[in-house]
PDB file of N, CA and C in Angstrom:
ATOM      1  N   MET A   1     155.763  26.068 130.225  1.00  0.00           N
ATOM      2  CA  MET A   1     155.996  27.484 130.421  1.00  0.00           C
ATOM      3  C   MET A   1     157.364  27.842 129.832  1.00  0.00           C
ATOM      4  N   HIS A   2     157.435  28.903 129.057  1.00  0.00           N
ATOM      5  CA  HIS A   2     158.672  29.335 128.427  1.00  0.00           C
ATOM      6  C   HIS A   2     159.565  30.044 129.443  1.00  0.00           C
ATOM      7  N   ASN A   3     160.857  30.184 129.098  1.00  0.00           N
ATOM      8  CA  ASN A   3     161.825  30.805 130.005  1.00  0.00           C
ATOM      9  C   ASN A   3     161.424  32.217 130.414  1.00  0.00           C
ATOM     10  N   ARG A   4     160.923  33.023 129.447  1.00  0.00           N
ATOM     11  CA  ARG A   4     160.530  34.391 129.768  1.00  0.00           C
ATOM     12  C   ARG A   4     159.376  34.408 130.762  1.00  0.00           C
ATOM     13  N   GLU A   5     158.432  33.491 130.577  1.00  0.00           N
ATOM     14  CA  GLU A   5     157.306  33.393 131.513  1.00  0.00           C
ATOM     15  C   GLU A   5     157.774  32.969 132.895  1.00  0.00           C
ATOM     16  N   LYS A   6     158.713  32.021 132.938  1.00  0.00           N
ATOM     17  CA  LYS A   6     159.273  31.588 134.219  1.00  0.00           C
ATOM     18  C   LYS A   6     160.012  32.737 134.900  1.00  0.00           C
ATOM     19  N   GLY A   7     160.771  33.490 134.101  1.00  0.00           N
ATOM     20  CA  GLY A   7     161.491  34.640 134.638  1.00  0.00           C
ATOM     21  C   GLY A   7     160.548  35.700 135.169  1.00  0.00           C
ATOM     22  N   ASP A   8     159.488  35.977 134.421  1.00  0.00           N
ATOM     23  CA  ASP A   8     158.487  36.957 134.871  1.00  0.00           C
ATOM     24  C   ASP A   8     157.841  36.520 136.177  1.00  0.00           C
ATOM     25  N   LYS A   9     157.536  35.239 136.270  1.00  0.00           N
ATOM     26  CA  LYS A   9     156.918  34.721 137.492  1.00  0.00           C
ATOM     27  C   LYS A   9     157.868  34.873 138.680  1.00  0.00           C
ATOM     28  N   ALA A  10     159.141  34.550 138.481  1.00  0.00           N
ATOM     29  CA  ALA A  10     160.137  34.703 139.549  1.00  0.00           C
ATOM     30  C   ALA A  10     160.271  36.173 139.954  1.00  0.00           C
ATOM     31  N   GLU A  11     160.268  37.079 138.978  1.00  0.00           N
ATOM     32  CA  GLU A  11     160.358  38.511 139.284  1.00  0.00           C
ATOM     33  C   GLU A  11     159.123  38.981 140.042  1.00  0.00           C
ATOM     34  N   ASN A  12     157.951  38.471 139.698  1.00  0.00           N
ATOM     35  CA  ASN A  12     156.735  38.825 140.431  1.00  0.00           C
ATOM     36  C   ASN A  12     156.822  38.380 141.889  1.00  0.00           C
ATOM     37  N   ILE A  13     157.351  37.177 142.120  1.00  0.00           N
ATOM     38  CA  ILE A  13     157.512  36.655 143.474  1.00  0.00           C
ATOM     39  C   ILE A  13     158.492  37.519 144.254  1.00  0.00           C
ATOM     40  N   ALA A  14     159.623  37.857 143.630  1.00  0.00           N
ATOM     41  CA  ALA A  14     160.617  38.702 144.293  1.00  0.00           C
ATOM     42  C   ALA A  14     160.042  40.088 144.580  1.00  0.00           C
ATOM     43  N   GLN A  15     159.338  40.655 143.606  1.00  0.00           N
ATOM     44  CA  GLN A  15     158.758  41.978 143.803  1.00  0.00           C
ATOM     45  C   GLN A  15     157.770  41.969 144.974  1.00  0.00           C
ATOM     46  N   GLN A  16     156.948  40.934 145.056  1.00  0.00           N
ATOM     47  CA  GLN A  16     155.977  40.870 146.151  1.00  0.00           C
ATOM     48  C   GLN A  16     156.680  40.817 147.502  1.00  0.00           C
ATOM     49  N   ARG A  17     157.788  40.083 147.579  1.00  0.00           N
ATOM     50  CA  ARG A  17     158.564  40.027 148.827  1.00  0.00           C
ATOM     51  C   ARG A  17     159.064  41.424 149.197  1.00  0.00           C
ATOM     52  N   LEU A  18     159.574  42.162 148.208  1.00  0.00           N
ATOM     53  CA  LEU A  18     160.073  43.511 148.478  1.00  0.00           C
ATOM     54  C   LEU A  18     158.948  44.429 148.948  1.00  0.00           C
ATOM     55  N   VAL A  19     157.821  44.382 148.266  1.00  0.00           N
ATOM     56  CA  VAL A  19     156.671  45.207 148.641  1.00  0.00           C
ATOM     57  C   VAL A  19     156.202  44.839 150.050  1.00  0.00           C
ATOM     58  N   ASP A  20     156.181  43.557 150.375  1.00  0.00           N
ATOM     59  CA  ASP A  20     155.781  43.115 151.715  1.00  0.00           C
ATOM     60  C   ASP A  20     156.724  43.641 152.789  1.00  0.00           C
ATOM     61  N   GLN A  21     157.972  43.917 152.393  1.00  0.00           N
ATOM     62  CA  GLN A  21     158.963  44.461 153.324  1.00  0.00           C
ATOM     63  C   GLN A  21     159.045  45.990 153.224  1.00  0.00           C
ATOM     64  N   TRP A  22     158.047  46.596 152.625  1.00  0.00           N
ATOM     65  CA  TRP A  22     157.889  48.053 152.530  1.00  0.00           C
ATOM     66  C   TRP A  22     158.879  48.725 151.596  1.00  0.00           C
ATOM     67  N   TRP A  23     159.411  48.008 150.623  1.00  0.00           N
ATOM     68  CA  TRP A  23     160.233  48.615 149.597  1.00  0.00           C
ATOM     69  C   TRP A  23     159.316  49.320 148.608  1.00  0.00           C
ATOM     70  N   THR A  24     159.840  50.321 147.946  1.00  0.00           N
ATOM     71  CA  THR A  24     159.129  51.001 146.864  1.00  0.00           C
ATOM     72  C   THR A  24     159.734  50.549 145.540  1.00  0.00           C
ATOM     73  N   ILE A  25     158.902  50.004 144.680  1.00  0.00           N
ATOM     74  CA  ILE A  25     159.368  49.567 143.363  1.00  0.00           C
ATOM     75  C   ILE A  25     159.387  50.792 142.454  1.00  0.00           C
ATOM     76  N   VAL A  26     160.549  51.083 141.902  1.00  0.00           N
ATOM     77  CA  VAL A  26     160.722  52.237 141.019  1.00  0.00           C
ATOM     78  C   VAL A  26     160.477  51.831 139.573  1.00  0.00           C
ATOM     79  N   GLN A  27     161.016  50.675 139.196  1.00  0.00           N
ATOM     80  CA  GLN A  27     160.897  50.229 137.804  1.00  0.00           C
ATOM     81  C   GLN A  27     161.193  48.743 137.715  1.00  0.00           C
ATOM     82  N   ARG A  28     160.586  48.107 136.709  1.00  0.00           N
ATOM     83  CA  ARG A  28     160.853  46.694 136.419  1.00  0.00           C
ATOM     84  C   ARG A  28     161.369  46.573 135.001  1.00  0.00           C
ATOM     85  N   ASN A  29     162.277  45.652 134.808  1.00  0.00           N
ATOM     86  CA  ASN A  29     162.811  45.323 133.483  1.00  0.00           C
ATOM     87  C   ASN A  29     163.307  46.550 132.723  1.00  0.00           C
ATOM     88  N   TRP A  30     164.137  47.339 133.380  1.00  0.00           N
ATOM     89  CA  TRP A  30     164.746  48.494 132.717  1.00  0.00           C
ATOM     90  C   TRP A  30     165.813  47.956 131.771  1.00  0.00           C
ATOM     91  N   THR A  31     165.641  48.239 130.504  1.00  0.00           N
ATOM     92  CA  THR A  31     166.532  47.658 129.502  1.00  0.00           C
ATOM     93  C   THR A  31     167.329  48.719 128.760  1.00  0.00           C
ATOM     94  N   MET A  32     168.436  48.254 128.260  1.00  0.00           N
ATOM     95  CA  MET A  32     169.271  49.035 127.362  1.00  0.00           C
ATOM     96  C   MET A  32     169.812  48.071 126.334  1.00  0.00           C
ATOM     97  N   ARG A  33     170.550  48.582 125.414  1.00  0.00           N
ATOM     98  CA  ARG A  33     171.047  47.781 124.296  1.00  0.00           C
ATOM     99  C   ARG A  33     171.779  46.518 124.750  1.00  0.00           C
ATOM    100  N   TRP A  34     172.518  46.568 125.839  1.00  0.00           N
ATOM    101  CA  TRP A  34     173.352  45.439 126.238  1.00  0.00           C
ATOM    102  C   TRP A  34     173.005  44.858 127.600  1.00  0.00           C
ATOM    103  N   GLY A  35     171.842  45.193 128.134  1.00  0.00           N
ATOM    104  CA  GLY A  35     171.531  44.611 129.427  1.00  0.00           C
ATOM    105  C   GLY A  35     170.163  44.982 129.946  1.00  0.00           C
ATOM    106  N   GLU A  36     169.830  44.381 131.059  1.00  0.00           N
ATOM    107  CA  GLU A  36     168.543  44.624 131.705  1.00  0.00           C
ATOM    108  C   GLU A  36     168.714  44.544 133.213  1.00  0.00           C
ATOM    109  N   ILE A  37     167.988  45.402 133.906  1.00  0.00           N
ATOM    110  CA  ILE A  37     167.903  45.319 135.359  1.00  0.00           C
ATOM    111  C   ILE A  37     166.502  44.816 135.669  1.00  0.00           C
ATOM    112  N   ASP A  38     166.419  43.734 136.441  1.00  0.00           N
ATOM    113  CA  ASP A  38     165.121  43.120 136.716  1.00  0.00           C
ATOM    114  C   ASP A  38     164.213  44.050 137.522  1.00  0.00           C
ATOM    115  N   ILE A  39     164.719  44.539 138.648  1.00  0.00           N
ATOM    116  CA  ILE A  39     163.927  45.414 139.517  1.00  0.00           C
ATOM    117  C   ILE A  39     164.818  46.526 140.038  1.00  0.00           C
ATOM    118  N   ILE A  40     164.291  47.738 140.017  1.00  0.00           N
ATOM    119  CA  ILE A  40     164.944  48.863 140.680  1.00  0.00           C
ATOM    120  C   ILE A  40     163.980  49.309 141.767  1.00  0.00           C
ATOM    121  N   ALA A  41     164.494  49.376 142.992  1.00  0.00           N
ATOM    122  CA  ALA A  41     163.631  49.688 144.127  1.00  0.00           C
ATOM    123  C   ALA A  41     164.386  50.559 145.121  1.00  0.00           C
ATOM    124  N   THR A  42     163.622  51.170 146.021  1.00  0.00           N
ATOM    125  CA  THR A  42     164.243  51.939 147.090  1.00  0.00           C
ATOM    126  C   THR A  42     163.804  51.370 148.432  1.00  0.00           C
ATOM    127  N   THR A  43     164.711  51.455 149.380  1.00  0.00           N
ATOM    128  CA  THR A  43     164.438  51.059 150.748  1.00  0.00           C
ATOM    129  C   THR A  43     165.339  51.870 151.660  1.00  0.00           C
ATOM    130  N   GLY A  44     164.735  52.578 152.577  1.00  0.00           N
ATOM    131  CA  GLY A  44     165.537  53.387 153.493  1.00  0.00           C
ATOM    132  C   GLY A  44     166.413  54.358 152.743  1.00  0.00           C
ATOM    133  N   GLU A  45     167.714  54.253 152.946  1.00  0.00           N
ATOM    134  CA  GLU A  45     168.664  55.175 152.319  1.00  0.00           C
ATOM    135  C   GLU A  45     169.264  54.639 151.022  1.00  0.00           C
ATOM    136  N   TYR A  46     168.718  53.550 150.493  1.00  0.00           N
ATOM    137  CA  TYR A  46     169.295  52.894 149.322  1.00  0.00           C
ATOM    138  C   TYR A  46     168.374  52.900 148.108  1.00  0.00           C
ATOM    139  N   ILE A  47     169.018  53.029 146.935  1.00  0.00           N
ATOM    140  CA  ILE A  47     168.375  52.691 145.674  1.00  0.00           C
ATOM    141  C   ILE A  47     169.067  51.406 145.236  1.00  0.00           C
ATOM    142  N   VAL A  48     168.261  50.395 144.923  1.00  0.00           N
ATOM    143  CA  VAL A  48     168.807  49.054 144.769  1.00  0.00           C
ATOM    144  C   VAL A  48     168.480  48.475 143.397  1.00  0.00           C
ATOM    145  N   CYS A  49     169.500  47.955 142.764  1.00  0.00           N
ATOM    146  CA  CYS A  49     169.365  47.149 141.553  1.00  0.00           C
ATOM    147  C   CYS A  49     169.198  45.712 142.047  1.00  0.00           C
ATOM    148  N   VAL A  50     168.062  45.105 141.738  1.00  0.00           N
ATOM    149  CA  VAL A  50     167.786  43.750 142.206  1.00  0.00           C
ATOM    150  C   VAL A  50     167.821  42.793 141.014  1.00  0.00           C
ATOM    151  N   GLU A  51     168.731  41.852 141.071  1.00  0.00           N
ATOM    152  CA  GLU A  51     168.810  40.788 140.080  1.00  0.00           C
ATOM    153  C   GLU A  51     168.047  39.595 140.633  1.00  0.00           C
ATOM    154  N   VAL A  52     167.123  39.072 139.856  1.00  0.00           N
ATOM    155  CA  VAL A  52     166.321  37.931 140.277  1.00  0.00           C
ATOM    156  C   VAL A  52     166.789  36.705 139.499  1.00  0.00           C
ATOM    157  N   LYS A  53     167.087  35.644 140.231  1.00  0.00           N
ATOM    158  CA  LYS A  53     167.544  34.406 139.600  1.00  0.00           C
ATOM    159  C   LYS A  53     166.618  33.262 139.988  1.00  0.00           C
ATOM    160  N   LEU A  54     166.120  32.569 138.990  1.00  0.00           N
ATOM    161  CA  LEU A  54     165.306  31.382 139.199  1.00  0.00           C
ATOM    162  C   LEU A  54     166.250  30.200 139.392  1.00  0.00           C
ATOM    163  N   VAL A  55     166.158  29.546 140.535  1.00  0.00           N
ATOM    164  CA  VAL A  55     167.063  28.457 140.887  1.00  0.00           C
ATOM    165  C   VAL A  55     166.420  27.123 140.529  1.00  0.00           C
ATOM    166  N   VAL A  56     167.174  26.311 139.808  1.00  0.00           N
ATOM    167  CA  VAL A  56     166.724  24.966 139.477  1.00  0.00           C
ATOM    168  C   VAL A  56     167.560  23.967 140.275  1.00  0.00           C
ATOM    169  N   VAL A  57     168.870  24.088 140.176  1.00  0.00           N
ATOM    170  CA  VAL A  57     169.805  23.226 140.893  1.00  0.00           C
ATOM    171  C   VAL A  57     170.407  24.035 142.031  1.00  0.00           C
ATOM    172  N   VAL A  58     170.462  23.468 143.218  1.00  0.00           N
ATOM    173  CA  VAL A  58     170.905  24.235 144.388  1.00  0.00           C
ATOM    174  C   VAL A  58     172.303  23.882 144.880  1.00  0.00           C
ATOM    175  N   ASP A  59     173.063  23.157 144.088  1.00  0.00           N
ATOM    176  CA  ASP A  59     174.405  22.777 144.521  1.00  0.00           C
ATOM    177  C   ASP A  59     175.269  23.991 144.831  1.00  0.00           C
ATOM    178  N   ASP A  60     175.240  24.981 143.975  1.00  0.00           N
ATOM    179  CA  ASP A  60     176.045  26.187 144.160  1.00  0.00           C
ATOM    180  C   ASP A  60     175.276  27.369 143.587  1.00  0.00           C
ATOM    181  N   ILE A  61     174.432  27.985 144.401  1.00  0.00           N
ATOM    182  CA  ILE A  61     173.579  29.045 143.869  1.00  0.00           C
ATOM    183  C   ILE A  61     174.382  30.258 143.415  1.00  0.00           C
ATOM    184  N   MET A  62     175.547  30.484 143.996  1.00  0.00           N
ATOM    185  CA  MET A  62     176.335  31.639 143.569  1.00  0.00           C
ATOM    186  C   MET A  62     176.880  31.448 142.158  1.00  0.00           C
ATOM    187  N   ALA A  63     176.862  30.229 141.634  1.00  0.00           N
ATOM    188  CA  ALA A  63     177.262  29.996 140.242  1.00  0.00           C
ATOM    189  C   ALA A  63     176.275  30.660 139.282  1.00  0.00           C
ATOM    190  N   TYR A  64     175.082  30.987 139.772  1.00  0.00           N
ATOM    191  CA  TYR A  64     174.094  31.679 138.953  1.00  0.00           C
ATOM    192  C   TYR A  64     174.489  33.136 138.715  1.00  0.00           C
ATOM    193  N   ILE A  65     175.395  33.658 139.552  1.00  0.00           N
ATOM    194  CA  ILE A  65     175.841  35.050 139.427  1.00  0.00           C
ATOM    195  C   ILE A  65     177.344  35.048 139.156  1.00  0.00           C
ATOM    196  N   THR A  66     177.702  35.129 137.904  1.00  0.00           N
ATOM    197  CA  THR A  66     179.115  35.119 137.526  1.00  0.00           C
ATOM    198  C   THR A  66     179.707  36.522 137.631  1.00  0.00           C
ATOM    199  N   ASP A  67     181.026  36.597 137.628  1.00  0.00           N
ATOM    200  CA  ASP A  67     181.691  37.900 137.622  1.00  0.00           C
ATOM    201  C   ASP A  67     181.280  38.706 136.394  1.00  0.00           C
ATOM    202  N   LYS A  68     181.122  38.013 135.269  1.00  0.00           N
ATOM    203  CA  LYS A  68     180.695  38.692 134.043  1.00  0.00           C
ATOM    204  C   LYS A  68     179.307  39.300 134.233  1.00  0.00           C
ATOM    205  N   LYS A  69     178.389  38.542 134.827  1.00  0.00           N
ATOM    206  CA  LYS A  69     177.029  39.040 135.074  1.00  0.00           C
ATOM    207  C   LYS A  69     177.067  40.233 136.026  1.00  0.00           C
ATOM    208  N   LEU A  70     177.875  40.157 137.076  1.00  0.00           N
ATOM    209  CA  LEU A  70     177.997  41.282 138.009  1.00  0.00           C
ATOM    210  C   LEU A  70     178.546  42.517 137.301  1.00  0.00           C
ATOM    211  N   GLY A  71     179.494  42.304 136.400  1.00  0.00           N
ATOM    212  CA  GLY A  71     180.026  43.422 135.628  1.00  0.00           C
ATOM    213  C   GLY A  71     178.961  44.095 134.786  1.00  0.00           C
ATOM    214  N   HIS A  72     178.126  43.283 134.143  1.00  0.00           N
ATOM    215  CA  HIS A  72     177.021  43.828 133.346  1.00  0.00           C
ATOM    216  C   HIS A  72     176.028  44.579 134.227  1.00  0.00           C
ATOM    217  N   LEU A  73     175.736  44.034 135.400  1.00  0.00           N
ATOM    218  CA  LEU A  73     174.808  44.699 136.321  1.00  0.00           C
ATOM    219  C   LEU A  73     175.360  46.048 136.781  1.00  0.00           C
ATOM    220  N   LYS A  74     176.634  46.073 137.143  1.00  0.00           N
ATOM    221  CA  LYS A  74     177.261  47.331 137.572  1.00  0.00           C
ATOM    222  C   LYS A  74     177.179  48.374 136.463  1.00  0.00           C
ATOM    223  N   ARG A  75     177.515  47.950 135.262  1.00  0.00           N
ATOM    224  CA  ARG A  75     177.497  48.869 134.123  1.00  0.00           C
ATOM    225  C   ARG A  75     176.080  49.371 133.846  1.00  0.00           C
ATOM    226  N   ALA A  76     175.114  48.466 133.864  1.00  0.00           N
ATOM    227  CA  ALA A  76     173.717  48.851 133.631  1.00  0.00           C
ATOM    228  C   ALA A  76     173.221  49.796 134.722  1.00  0.00           C
ATOM    229  N   PHE A  77     173.546  49.490 135.975  1.00  0.00           N
ATOM    230  CA  PHE A  77     173.080  50.314 137.090  1.00  0.00           C
ATOM    231  C   PHE A  77     173.738  51.694 137.059  1.00  0.00           C
ATOM    232  N   THR A  78     175.008  51.739 136.714  1.00  0.00           N
ATOM    233  CA  THR A  78     175.695  53.024 136.572  1.00  0.00           C
ATOM    234  C   THR A  78     175.024  53.860 135.491  1.00  0.00           C
ATOM    235  N   THR A  79     174.675  53.230 134.379  1.00  0.00           N
ATOM    236  CA  THR A  79     173.983  53.935 133.291  1.00  0.00           C
ATOM    237  C   THR A  79     172.611  54.416 133.757  1.00  0.00           C
ATOM    238  N   TYR A  80     171.883  53.549 134.455  1.00  0.00           N
ATOM    239  CA  TYR A  80     170.567  53.940 134.973  1.00  0.00           C
ATOM    240  C   TYR A  80     170.691  55.158 135.882  1.00  0.00           C
ATOM    241  N   LEU A  81     171.652  55.122 136.801  1.00  0.00           N
ATOM    242  CA  LEU A  81     171.812  56.229 137.748  1.00  0.00           C
ATOM    243  C   LEU A  81     172.271  57.506 137.058  1.00  0.00           C
ATOM    244  N   HIS A  82     172.994  57.373 135.967  1.00  0.00           N
ATOM    245  CA  HIS A  82     173.388  58.547 135.191  1.00  0.00           C
ATOM    246  C   HIS A  82     172.157  59.201 134.564  1.00  0.00           C
ATOM    247  N   LYS A  83     171.229  58.373 134.092  1.00  0.00           N
ATOM    248  CA  LYS A  83     170.010  58.877 133.460  1.00  0.00           C
ATOM    249  C   LYS A  83     168.936  59.260 134.472  1.00  0.00           C
ATOM    250  N   HIS A  84     168.991  58.666 135.661  1.00  0.00           N
ATOM    251  CA  HIS A  84     168.003  58.911 136.717  1.00  0.00           C
ATOM    252  C   HIS A  84     168.745  59.167 138.030  1.00  0.00           C
ATOM    253  N   PRO A  85     169.370  60.339 138.185  1.00  0.00           N
ATOM    254  CA  PRO A  85     170.165  60.614 139.384  1.00  0.00           C
ATOM    255  C   PRO A  85     169.347  60.437 140.674  1.00  0.00           C
ATOM    256  N   SER A  86     170.043  60.019 141.718  1.00  0.00           N
ATOM    257  CA  SER A  86     169.414  59.805 143.013  1.00  0.00           C
ATOM    258  C   SER A  86     170.385  60.202 144.118  1.00  0.00           C
ATOM    259  N   ASP A  87     169.839  60.731 145.198  1.00  0.00           N
ATOM    260  CA  ASP A  87     170.651  61.047 146.374  1.00  0.00           C
ATOM    261  C   ASP A  87     170.839  59.823 147.268  1.00  0.00           C
ATOM    262  N   LEU A  88     170.132  58.742 146.952  1.00  0.00           N
ATOM    263  CA  LEU A  88     170.229  57.529 147.749  1.00  0.00           C
ATOM    264  C   LEU A  88     171.505  56.758 147.413  1.00  0.00           C
ATOM    265  N   GLN A  89     171.965  55.953 148.360  1.00  0.00           N
ATOM    266  CA  GLN A  89     173.158  55.131 148.161  1.00  0.00           C
ATOM    267  C   GLN A  89     172.830  53.958 147.236  1.00  0.00           C
ATOM    268  N   PRO A  90     173.616  53.721 146.195  1.00  0.00           N
ATOM    269  CA  PRO A  90     173.344  52.597 145.292  1.00  0.00           C
ATOM    270  C   PRO A  90     173.827  51.269 145.880  1.00  0.00           C
ATOM    271  N   ARG A  91     173.096  50.221 145.552  1.00  0.00           N
ATOM    272  CA  ARG A  91     173.436  48.889 146.034  1.00  0.00           C
ATOM    273  C   ARG A  91     172.891  47.863 145.038  1.00  0.00           C
ATOM    274  N   ILE A  92     173.587  46.748 144.899  1.00  0.00           N
ATOM    275  CA  ILE A  92     173.115  45.661 144.040  1.00  0.00           C
ATOM    276  C   ILE A  92     172.837  44.443 144.917  1.00  0.00           C
ATOM    277  N   ASP A  93     171.600  43.952 144.836  1.00  0.00           N
ATOM    278  CA  ASP A  93     171.171  42.775 145.587  1.00  0.00           C
ATOM    279  C   ASP A  93     170.783  41.668 144.613  1.00  0.00           C
ATOM    280  N   VAL A  94     170.775  40.449 145.115  1.00  0.00           N
ATOM    281  CA  VAL A  94     170.326  39.306 144.325  1.00  0.00           C
ATOM    282  C   VAL A  94     169.274  38.551 145.137  1.00  0.00           C
ATOM    283  N   ILE A  95     168.187  38.213 144.479  1.00  0.00           N
ATOM    284  CA  ILE A  95     167.147  37.390 145.087  1.00  0.00           C
ATOM    285  C   ILE A  95     167.038  36.098 144.273  1.00  0.00           C
ATOM    286  N   PHE A  96     167.141  34.971 144.967  1.00  0.00           N
ATOM    287  CA  PHE A  96     167.001  33.664 144.345  1.00  0.00           C
ATOM    288  C   PHE A  96     165.599  33.134 144.634  1.00  0.00           C
ATOM    289  N   VAL A  97     164.909  32.710 143.583  1.00  0.00           N
ATOM    290  CA  VAL A  97     163.563  32.167 143.703  1.00  0.00           C
ATOM    291  C   VAL A  97     163.613  30.693 143.325  1.00  0.00           C
ATOM    292  N   LYS A  98     163.029  29.864 144.187  1.00  0.00           N
ATOM    293  CA  LYS A  98     162.957  28.422 143.922  1.00  0.00           C
ATOM    294  C   LYS A  98     161.599  27.923 144.407  1.00  0.00           C
ATOM    295  N   ASP A  99     160.991  27.063 143.626  1.00  0.00           N
ATOM    296  CA  ASP A  99     159.700  26.469 143.994  1.00  0.00           C
ATOM    297  C   ASP A  99     158.659  27.528 144.348  1.00  0.00           C
ATOM    298  N   ASP A 100     158.606  28.577 143.539  1.00  0.00           N
ATOM    299  CA  ASP A 100     157.603  29.639 143.677  1.00  0.00           C
ATOM    300  C   ASP A 100     157.671  30.406 144.995  1.00  0.00           C
ATOM    301  N   LYS A 101     158.880  30.528 145.550  1.00  0.00           N
ATOM    302  CA  LYS A 101     159.051  31.368 146.733  1.00  0.00           C
ATOM    303  C   LYS A 101     160.488  31.896 146.770  1.00  0.00           C
ATOM    304  N   VAL A 102     160.679  32.982 147.510  1.00  0.00           N
ATOM    305  CA  VAL A 102     162.034  33.506 147.684  1.00  0.00           C
ATOM    306  C   VAL A 102     162.786  32.498 148.539  1.00  0.00           C
ATOM    307  N   TRP A 103     163.874  32.020 147.988  1.00  0.00           N
ATOM    308  CA  TRP A 103     164.648  30.982 148.659  1.00  0.00           C
ATOM    309  C   TRP A 103     165.825  31.585 149.425  1.00  0.00           C
ATOM    310  N   GLU A 104     166.539  32.494 148.803  1.00  0.00           N
ATOM    311  CA  GLU A 104     167.676  33.188 149.419  1.00  0.00           C
ATOM    312  C   GLU A 104     167.721  34.598 148.862  1.00  0.00           C
ATOM    313  N   SER A 105     168.287  35.512 149.645  1.00  0.00           N
ATOM    314  CA  SER A 105     168.544  36.863 149.114  1.00  0.00           C
ATOM    315  C   SER A 105     169.846  37.364 149.711  1.00  0.00           C
ATOM    316  N   TYR A 106     170.555  38.123 148.906  1.00  0.00           N
ATOM    317  CA  TYR A 106     171.853  38.657 149.322  1.00  0.00           C
ATOM    318  C   TYR A 106     171.890  40.151 149.018  1.00  0.00           C
ATOM    319  N   GLU A 107     172.296  40.932 150.013  1.00  0.00           N
ATOM    320  CA  GLU A 107     172.417  42.378 149.840  1.00  0.00           C
ATOM    321  C   GLU A 107     173.854  42.733 149.471  1.00  0.00           C
ATOM    322  N   ASN A 108     173.987  43.788 148.685  1.00  0.00           N
ATOM    323  CA  ASN A 108     175.272  44.390 148.367  1.00  0.00           C
ATOM    324  C   ASN A 108     176.287  43.352 147.872  1.00  0.00           C
ATOM    325  N   VAL A 109     175.917  42.632 146.834  1.00  0.00           N
ATOM    326  CA  VAL A 109     176.757  41.548 146.331  1.00  0.00           C
ATOM    327  C   VAL A 109     178.072  42.015 145.711  1.00  0.00           C
ATOM    328  N   THR A 110     178.140  43.290 145.365  1.00  0.00           N
ATOM    329  CA  THR A 110     179.382  43.810 144.789  1.00  0.00           C
ATOM    330  C   THR A 110     180.289  44.415 145.850  1.00  0.00           C
ATOM    331  N   GLY A 111     179.784  44.563 147.061  1.00  0.00           N
ATOM    332  CA  GLY A 111     180.596  45.083 148.156  1.00  0.00           C
ATOM    333  C   GLY A 111     180.912  46.551 148.062  1.00  0.00           C
ATOM    334  N   ASN A 112     180.172  47.291 147.239  1.00  0.00           N
ATOM    335  CA  ASN A 112     180.431  48.736 147.101  1.00  0.00           C
ATOM    336  C   ASN A 112     179.647  49.528 148.110  1.00  0.00           C
TER     337      ASN A 112
END
């Protein structure tokens, strides 16, 4: 299986978890010239940029989300919200998928 296929499978697993928790999926794989948001969803009072990471090695899962990656996510999400305004509070979450299931998830990883 190629990396893109593995990534798609991980995103499908993460999306199903969100749907099972009554989230509304707004968009998948929203792209721009310099970045992509895996999943954009709403839950309660939040519009959420969800980054999905496929975990292979579990020594330090936060190493999968670098400051540079968070910067790109913030910039992409800000651009998305500029093009698609929302009254909901923005938030960036990360879902880690390992062995075909959601392994860990973190809300509001940027602390905003």
